[in-house]
């Protein structure tokens, strides 16, 4: 079989690489062309375009790079027609992927979508395009099944969350060696995960680091994003109790005692590493006001959304301040409170469907293709 996979972000590269490994296992004759990153490239197949050439965030940046984006869409269509795949597999990245899916469906290609766009959070009207252009959807969040099937009468297949596999399959961290290599002392670690974009990091670290002197018995460690240089983070390293580690977030979480985390997939990763956390988010005031009116969710963290109740405290916008961060951090350092959080994390992992998401997805894709 010939597979064409499109992933446009770092997370898509991770999940795409694990899916490719399973496709190769289950279909030894597999030919794979893909848009992705280093992890997918290490797995095999033919890299068509790297996601770093696709990452345009924000309205203004998209407008400025419109010619490049339209050029990528045109090139992608031409490359698909040249390769003639048996199936196109889209991984999240809806702005680009939904455009290709519409074209691909019209051309008669089989369209499979792994990791649904978060249309339950915003742009719910995309459901029309999904129902029209996607043959099979593989979802990774349990509440998405009810959203698609009961609310929108669109059959989907829940495969579990691939982060469970990514975390279970990683090489174990040696805590002593990790501390030594990164100049950490023996004090318990509070991990800081402030996001990946400069504006976001600056805003969040200014709040997160405001409590450092209130916790002298702990050391604070910033998880550096691979997309940012060390020079950018230097401005935040003025306190001797603040350390910086780049591109080793999973290793850091594996030794962390607690964490302050900006909303996003990182909230779920932190929970799966069984690290009690406080979710912190503060955005541009105008952007926040717009988002508040568009997004009508009860929670912003995946942990609370999946559990449908508050398991981790969310400090959003004006509530994200030194006083509240100090108070909530003290709570999760308290043994009794930690015990409850860790029990909830175990329930969360059960809800996520256990391990094997990539394997299940590969099996389902092959089943659908061989039936057709």
Protein backbone atom coordinates (compact mmCIF):
# COMPACT_ATOMS: atom_id res chain seq x y z
CA UNK A 1 0.00 0.00 0.00
CA UNK A 2 1.03 3.59 -0.63
CA UNK A 3 0.42 6.08 2.18
CA UNK A 4 0.63 9.88 2.06
CA UNK A 5 0.76 11.44 5.55
CA UNK A 6 0.48 15.16 6.32
CA UNK A 7 1.59 16.44 9.76
CA UNK A 8 2.34 20.13 10.15
CA UNK A 9 3.58 20.54 13.73
CA UNK A 10 5.98 19.01 16.28
CA UNK A 11 3.21 17.03 18.00
CA UNK A 12 2.06 15.70 14.62
CA UNK A 13 5.63 14.63 13.87
CA UNK A 14 5.74 12.64 17.13
CA UNK A 15 2.39 10.92 16.59
CA UNK A 16 3.06 10.50 12.87
CA UNK A 17 6.36 8.72 13.54
CA UNK A 18 4.67 6.23 15.89
CA UNK A 19 1.89 5.62 13.37
CA UNK A 20 4.47 5.03 10.61
CA UNK A 21 6.30 2.45 12.77
CA UNK A 22 3.03 0.53 13.14
CA UNK A 23 2.16 0.80 9.45
CA UNK A 24 5.57 -0.63 8.54
CA UNK A 25 5.04 -3.48 11.05
CA UNK A 26 1.59 -4.37 9.75
CA UNK A 27 2.31 -3.68 6.08
CA UNK A 28 5.92 -4.60 5.25
CA UNK A 29 5.37 -3.44 1.65
CA UNK A 30 4.29 0.04 2.79
CA UNK A 31 5.50 3.03 0.77
CA UNK A 32 5.15 6.25 2.74
CA UNK A 33 5.57 9.84 1.58
CA UNK A 34 5.01 12.45 4.26
CA UNK A 35 5.02 16.04 5.43
CA UNK A 36 6.46 16.03 8.95
CA UNK A 37 9.70 16.37 10.86
CA UNK A 38 12.85 14.71 12.13
CA UNK A 39 11.09 11.90 14.03
CA UNK A 40 9.09 10.80 10.99
CA UNK A 41 12.22 11.07 8.85
CA UNK A 42 14.12 8.79 11.26
CA UNK A 43 11.35 6.19 10.91
CA UNK A 44 11.74 5.85 7.13
CA UNK A 45 9.79 6.81 4.05
CA UNK A 46 10.25 9.95 1.98
CA UNK A 47 10.12 13.41 3.56
CA UNK A 48 8.32 15.78 1.19
CA UNK A 49 8.38 18.93 3.36
CA UNK A 50 9.51 19.69 6.92
CA UNK A 51 6.96 21.23 9.29
CA UNK A 52 9.36 24.05 10.20
CA UNK A 53 8.65 25.48 6.72
CA UNK A 54 4.91 25.50 7.44
CA UNK A 55 4.58 27.02 10.91
CA UNK A 56 2.81 30.35 10.52
CA UNK A 57 1.03 31.39 13.73
CA UNK A 58 -1.36 34.31 14.11
CA UNK A 59 -3.51 36.24 11.65
CA UNK A 60 -0.89 38.82 10.63
CA UNK A 61 1.81 36.20 10.04
CA UNK A 62 -0.56 34.10 7.90
CA UNK A 63 -1.43 37.14 5.77
CA UNK A 64 2.25 38.03 5.32
CA UNK A 65 3.06 34.48 4.21
CA UNK A 66 -0.07 33.86 2.15
CA UNK A 67 1.86 33.34 -1.09
CA UNK A 68 4.04 30.67 0.58
CA UNK A 69 1.01 28.93 2.11
CA UNK A 70 -0.88 28.87 -1.20
CA UNK A 71 2.28 27.64 -2.91
CA UNK A 72 2.56 24.78 -0.38
CA UNK A 73 -1.06 23.79 -0.99
CA UNK A 74 -0.51 23.73 -4.76
CA UNK A 75 2.73 21.76 -4.39
CA UNK A 76 1.06 19.26 -2.04
CA UNK A 77 -1.71 18.52 -4.55
CA UNK A 78 0.83 18.04 -7.35
CA UNK A 79 2.95 15.73 -5.17
CA UNK A 80 -0.07 13.60 -4.22
CA UNK A 81 -1.06 13.23 -7.88
CA UNK A 82 2.49 12.24 -8.74
CA UNK A 83 2.70 9.62 -5.93
CA UNK A 84 -0.87 8.26 -6.39
CA UNK A 85 -1.36 6.97 -2.80
CA UNK A 86 -3.94 4.40 -1.75
CA UNK A 87 -4.84 6.64 1.17
CA UNK A 88 -4.08 10.13 2.50
CA UNK A 89 -3.73 10.34 6.28
CA UNK A 90 -4.17 13.78 7.85
CA UNK A 91 -2.80 14.43 11.35
CA UNK A 92 -4.50 17.40 13.08
CA UNK A 93 -3.22 20.68 11.44
CA UNK A 94 -6.71 21.60 10.16
CA UNK A 95 -6.07 24.92 8.40
CA UNK A 96 -3.94 23.15 5.79
CA UNK A 97 -5.28 19.61 5.98
CA UNK A 98 -8.97 20.44 5.53
CA UNK A 99 -8.14 22.28 2.28
CA UNK A 100 -6.26 19.27 0.96
CA UNK A 101 -9.01 16.89 2.16
CA UNK A 102 -11.66 18.78 0.14
CA UNK A 103 -9.57 18.56 -3.01
CA UNK A 104 -8.57 14.92 -2.35
CA UNK A 105 -12.17 13.80 -1.85
CA UNK A 106 -13.20 15.45 -5.12
CA UNK A 107 -10.34 13.64 -6.86
CA UNK A 108 -11.46 10.28 -5.46
CA UNK A 109 -8.66 9.66 -2.94
CA UNK A 110 -9.41 7.84 0.32
CA UNK A 111 -9.19 10.33 3.20
CA UNK A 112 -8.42 9.24 6.78
CA UNK A 113 -7.99 11.74 9.65
CA UNK A 114 -5.94 10.84 12.75
CA UNK A 115 -6.29 13.24 15.71
CA UNK A 116 -9.34 15.39 15.14
CA UNK A 117 -9.15 19.16 14.77
CA UNK A 118 -10.49 20.65 18.03
CA UNK A 119 -13.77 21.76 16.47
CA UNK A 120 -15.50 21.13 19.81
CA UNK A 121 -13.58 24.18 21.11
CA UNK A 122 -14.05 26.51 18.17
CA UNK A 123 -14.96 26.55 14.47
CA UNK A 124 -17.63 23.90 15.05
CA UNK A 125 -19.00 24.68 11.60
CA UNK A 126 -16.03 22.70 10.23
CA UNK A 127 -18.15 19.61 10.92
CA UNK A 128 -19.83 20.11 7.53
CA UNK A 129 -16.48 19.87 5.74
CA UNK A 130 -15.39 16.90 7.85
CA UNK A 131 -18.61 14.97 7.09
CA UNK A 132 -18.20 15.76 3.41
CA UNK A 133 -14.44 15.26 2.96
CA UNK A 134 -13.27 12.67 5.54
CA UNK A 135 -13.93 8.95 5.05
CA UNK A 136 -12.71 7.83 8.49
CA UNK A 137 -11.86 9.81 11.64
CA UNK A 138 -9.71 8.35 14.46
CA UNK A 139 -10.13 10.32 17.70
CA UNK A 140 -7.89 10.41 20.77
CA UNK A 141 -10.07 12.15 23.38
CA UNK A 142 -12.98 10.18 24.88
CA UNK A 143 -15.50 13.06 24.90
CA UNK A 144 -15.03 13.57 21.15
CA UNK A 145 -17.02 10.39 20.45
CA UNK A 146 -20.15 11.86 22.00
CA UNK A 147 -19.51 15.18 20.23
CA UNK A 148 -19.25 13.62 16.78
CA UNK A 149 -21.70 10.74 17.02
CA UNK A 150 -24.50 12.09 19.22
CA UNK A 151 -24.32 15.79 18.43
CA UNK A 152 -23.36 15.59 14.75
CA UNK A 153 -24.26 12.03 13.63
CA UNK A 154 -20.80 11.34 12.25
CA UNK A 155 -19.28 7.93 13.07
CA UNK A 156 -15.74 8.05 14.52
CA UNK A 157 -13.35 5.53 16.07
CA UNK A 158 -11.80 6.15 19.50
CA UNK A 159 -8.25 4.73 19.53
CA UNK A 160 -6.89 6.07 22.82
CA UNK A 161 -4.29 8.81 23.30
CA UNK A 162 -0.88 8.40 21.60
CA UNK A 163 0.86 10.36 24.37
CA UNK A 164 0.51 7.28 26.60
CA UNK A 165 2.62 5.30 24.11
CA UNK A 166 5.09 8.14 23.62
CA UNK A 167 5.68 8.34 27.37
CA UNK A 168 5.75 4.58 28.02
CA UNK A 169 8.12 3.88 25.11
CA UNK A 170 10.69 6.54 25.92
CA UNK A 171 14.06 5.67 27.40
CA UNK A 172 13.92 5.93 31.20
CA UNK A 173 15.69 8.91 32.77
CA UNK A 174 18.41 8.34 35.34
CA UNK A 175 17.51 11.02 37.93
CA UNK A 176 21.01 11.36 39.43
CA UNK A 177 22.71 11.56 36.06
CA UNK A 178 20.12 14.02 34.76
CA UNK A 179 20.60 16.33 37.76
CA UNK A 180 24.37 16.15 37.41
CA UNK A 181 24.37 16.84 33.65
CA UNK A 182 22.08 19.85 34.09
CA UNK A 183 23.73 21.34 37.22
CA UNK A 184 20.72 20.69 39.46
CA UNK A 185 21.12 20.15 43.20
CA UNK A 186 19.19 17.73 45.43
CA UNK A 187 16.27 20.06 46.16
CA UNK A 188 12.84 18.97 44.80
CA UNK A 189 12.15 20.33 41.32
CA UNK A 190 9.28 22.59 40.32
CA UNK A 191 9.08 22.45 36.52
CA UNK A 192 7.99 25.53 34.57
CA UNK A 193 6.39 24.87 31.17
CA UNK A 194 5.64 28.35 29.77
CA UNK A 195 4.77 27.46 26.16
CA UNK A 196 6.70 27.68 22.91
CA UNK A 197 6.16 31.16 21.39
CA UNK A 198 8.24 34.14 22.53
CA UNK A 199 5.37 36.42 23.49
CA UNK A 200 3.65 33.63 25.42
CA UNK A 201 6.86 32.55 27.18
CA UNK A 202 7.72 36.12 28.26
CA UNK A 203 4.27 36.75 29.68
CA UNK A 204 4.01 33.42 31.48
CA UNK A 205 7.52 33.32 32.93
CA UNK A 206 7.13 36.81 34.40
CA UNK A 207 4.18 35.43 36.42
CA UNK A 208 5.59 31.98 37.20
CA UNK A 209 8.95 33.30 38.41
CA UNK A 210 7.31 35.86 40.70
CA UNK A 211 6.95 33.13 43.39
CA UNK A 212 10.52 31.75 43.31
CA UNK A 213 11.62 33.48 46.52
CA UNK A 214 8.56 32.12 48.35
CA UNK A 215 9.82 28.54 47.91
CA UNK A 216 13.52 28.50 48.88
CA UNK A 217 13.44 24.75 49.60
CA UNK A 218 12.70 23.99 45.95
CA UNK A 219 14.52 24.66 42.68
CA UNK A 220 12.64 25.99 39.67
CA UNK A 221 13.55 24.63 36.23
CA UNK A 222 12.36 26.20 32.98
CA UNK A 223 11.57 23.73 30.19
CA UNK A 224 13.01 25.42 27.10
CA UNK A 225 11.15 25.01 23.82
CA UNK A 226 13.24 23.61 20.93
CA UNK A 227 11.99 26.50 18.78
CA UNK A 228 13.73 29.14 20.96
CA UNK A 229 17.42 29.90 21.53
CA UNK A 230 19.14 29.90 24.93
CA UNK A 231 19.90 33.63 24.48
CA UNK A 232 16.18 34.40 24.62
CA UNK A 233 15.81 32.64 28.00
CA UNK A 234 18.86 34.31 29.60
CA UNK A 235 16.79 37.32 30.73
CA UNK A 236 14.82 34.97 33.02
CA UNK A 237 17.82 33.35 34.71
CA UNK A 238 18.81 36.06 37.17
CA UNK A 239 17.84 34.13 40.34
CA UNK A 240 20.30 31.42 41.46
CA UNK A 241 17.34 29.16 42.26
CA UNK A 242 16.14 29.21 38.63
CA UNK A 243 17.62 26.79 36.09
CA UNK A 244 17.09 26.18 32.39
CA UNK A 245 16.96 22.95 30.40
CA UNK A 246 16.22 22.96 26.67
CA UNK A 247 14.34 20.34 24.68
CA UNK A 248 14.24 17.75 27.50
CA UNK A 249 10.73 18.31 28.83
CA UNK A 250 9.91 14.62 29.36
CA UNK A 251 13.17 14.03 31.27
CA UNK A 252 12.40 17.08 33.40
CA UNK A 253 8.84 15.96 34.14
CA UNK A 254 10.09 12.50 35.09
CA UNK A 255 12.00 14.01 38.05
CA UNK A 256 9.65 16.94 38.87
CA UNK A 257 7.79 17.21 42.17
CA UNK A 258 5.29 19.81 40.90
CA UNK A 259 4.77 22.02 37.85
CA UNK A 260 3.39 25.32 36.63
CA UNK A 261 2.10 24.73 33.11
CA UNK A 262 0.72 26.93 30.36
CA UNK A 263 -2.44 25.50 28.83
CA UNK A 264 -2.20 23.03 25.95
CA UNK A 265 -1.03 19.45 25.42
CA UNK A 266 1.60 20.06 28.14
CA UNK A 267 -1.14 19.94 30.81
CA UNK A 268 -1.95 16.36 29.76
CA UNK A 269 1.71 15.34 29.44
CA UNK A 270 2.35 16.63 32.98
CA UNK A 271 -0.60 14.62 34.31
CA UNK A 272 0.56 11.44 32.57
CA UNK A 273 3.96 11.86 34.28
CA UNK A 274 1.96 12.02 37.54
CA UNK A 275 3.18 15.51 38.43
CA UNK A 276 0.69 17.72 40.35
CA UNK A 277 0.30 20.97 38.42
CA UNK A 278 -1.21 24.44 38.36
CA UNK A 279 -2.37 25.57 34.92
CA UNK A 280 -1.48 29.21 34.19
CA UNK A 281 -2.59 31.22 31.20
CA UNK A 282 -2.41 34.93 30.43
CA UNK A 283 -2.77 36.26 26.91
CA UNK A 284 -3.02 39.57 25.12
CA UNK A 285 -6.09 41.35 26.55
CA UNK A 286 -7.80 41.89 23.19
CA UNK A 287 -7.05 38.33 22.00
CA UNK A 288 -8.39 36.98 25.31
CA UNK A 289 -11.62 38.97 25.01
CA UNK A 290 -12.13 37.65 21.47
CA UNK A 291 -11.30 34.06 22.45
CA UNK A 292 -13.63 34.22 25.45
CA UNK A 293 -16.52 34.99 23.13
CA UNK A 294 -15.63 32.35 20.53
CA UNK A 295 -14.61 29.48 22.80
CA UNK A 296 -17.36 28.36 25.16
CA UNK A 297 -15.63 25.56 27.09
CA UNK A 298 -15.88 25.10 30.85
CA UNK A 299 -12.14 24.51 31.14
CA UNK A 300 -8.97 25.29 29.17
CA UNK A 301 -6.82 22.32 30.25
CA UNK A 302 -7.19 18.92 28.62
CA UNK A 303 -7.01 17.28 32.06
CA UNK A 304 -10.19 19.01 33.27
CA UNK A 305 -11.94 18.71 29.90
CA UNK A 306 -11.44 14.94 29.83
CA UNK A 307 -12.45 14.50 33.47
CA UNK A 308 -15.32 17.01 33.08
CA UNK A 309 -14.47 18.49 36.48
CA UNK A 310 -11.70 20.52 38.09
CA UNK A 311 -8.81 18.19 38.82
CA UNK A 312 -6.08 20.81 38.33
CA UNK A 313 -6.49 24.48 39.20
CA UNK A 314 -6.70 26.86 36.23
CA UNK A 315 -5.50 30.42 36.77
CA UNK A 316 -6.64 32.36 33.72
CA UNK A 317 -5.92 35.97 32.73
CA UNK A 318 -6.39 38.29 35.78
CA UNK A 319 -6.45 35.29 38.16
CA UNK A 320 -2.96 34.39 36.97
CA UNK A 321 -0.98 36.49 39.46
CA UNK A 322 1.68 36.06 42.13
CA UNK A 323 -0.77 35.74 45.04
CA UNK A 324 -2.84 32.99 43.41
CA UNK A 325 0.12 31.09 41.97
CA UNK A 326 1.74 31.00 45.43
CA UNK A 327 -1.48 29.81 47.06
CA UNK A 328 -2.16 27.06 44.51
CA UNK A 329 1.46 25.90 44.41
CA UNK A 330 1.43 25.53 48.21
CA UNK A 331 -1.68 23.36 47.86
CA UNK A 332 -0.14 20.90 45.40
CA UNK A 333 2.97 20.62 47.57
CA UNK A 334 0.74 19.52 50.46
CA UNK A 335 0.85 15.67 50.81
CA UNK A 336 -2.93 15.26 51.31
CA UNK A 337 -3.83 17.37 48.27
CA UNK A 338 -1.17 15.63 46.16
CA UNK A 339 -2.64 12.23 47.04
CA UNK A 340 -6.05 13.26 45.67
CA UNK A 341 -4.54 14.71 42.49
CA UNK A 342 -2.56 11.53 41.81
CA UNK A 343 -5.68 9.38 42.30
CA UNK A 344 -7.49 11.56 39.77
CA UNK A 345 -4.58 11.21 37.34
CA UNK A 346 -4.97 7.41 37.45
CA UNK A 347 -8.67 7.74 36.57
CA UNK A 348 -7.70 10.14 33.76
CA UNK A 349 -5.30 7.59 32.28
CA UNK A 350 -8.02 4.91 32.33
CA UNK A 351 -10.40 7.29 30.52
CA UNK A 352 -7.77 7.81 27.83
CA UNK A 353 -8.11 4.18 26.82
CA UNK A 354 -4.70 2.79 27.74
CA UNK A 355 -1.76 2.20 25.42
CA UNK A 356 -1.72 1.18 21.76
CA UNK A 357 -3.28 4.18 19.96
CA UNK A 358 -0.84 4.02 17.02
CA UNK A 359 -1.24 0.26 16.69
CA UNK A 360 -5.06 0.46 16.75
CA UNK A 361 -5.08 3.29 14.20
CA UNK A 362 -2.76 1.43 11.81
CA UNK A 363 -4.93 -1.71 12.10
CA UNK A 364 -8.12 0.24 11.39
CA UNK A 365 -6.59 2.03 8.40
CA UNK A 366 -5.50 -1.30 6.88
CA UNK A 367 -8.88 -2.91 7.62
CA UNK A 368 -10.71 -0.11 5.81
CA UNK A 369 -8.32 -0.22 2.86
CA UNK A 370 -8.49 -4.00 2.41
CA UNK A 371 -12.31 -3.97 2.68
CA UNK A 372 -12.60 -1.32 -0.03
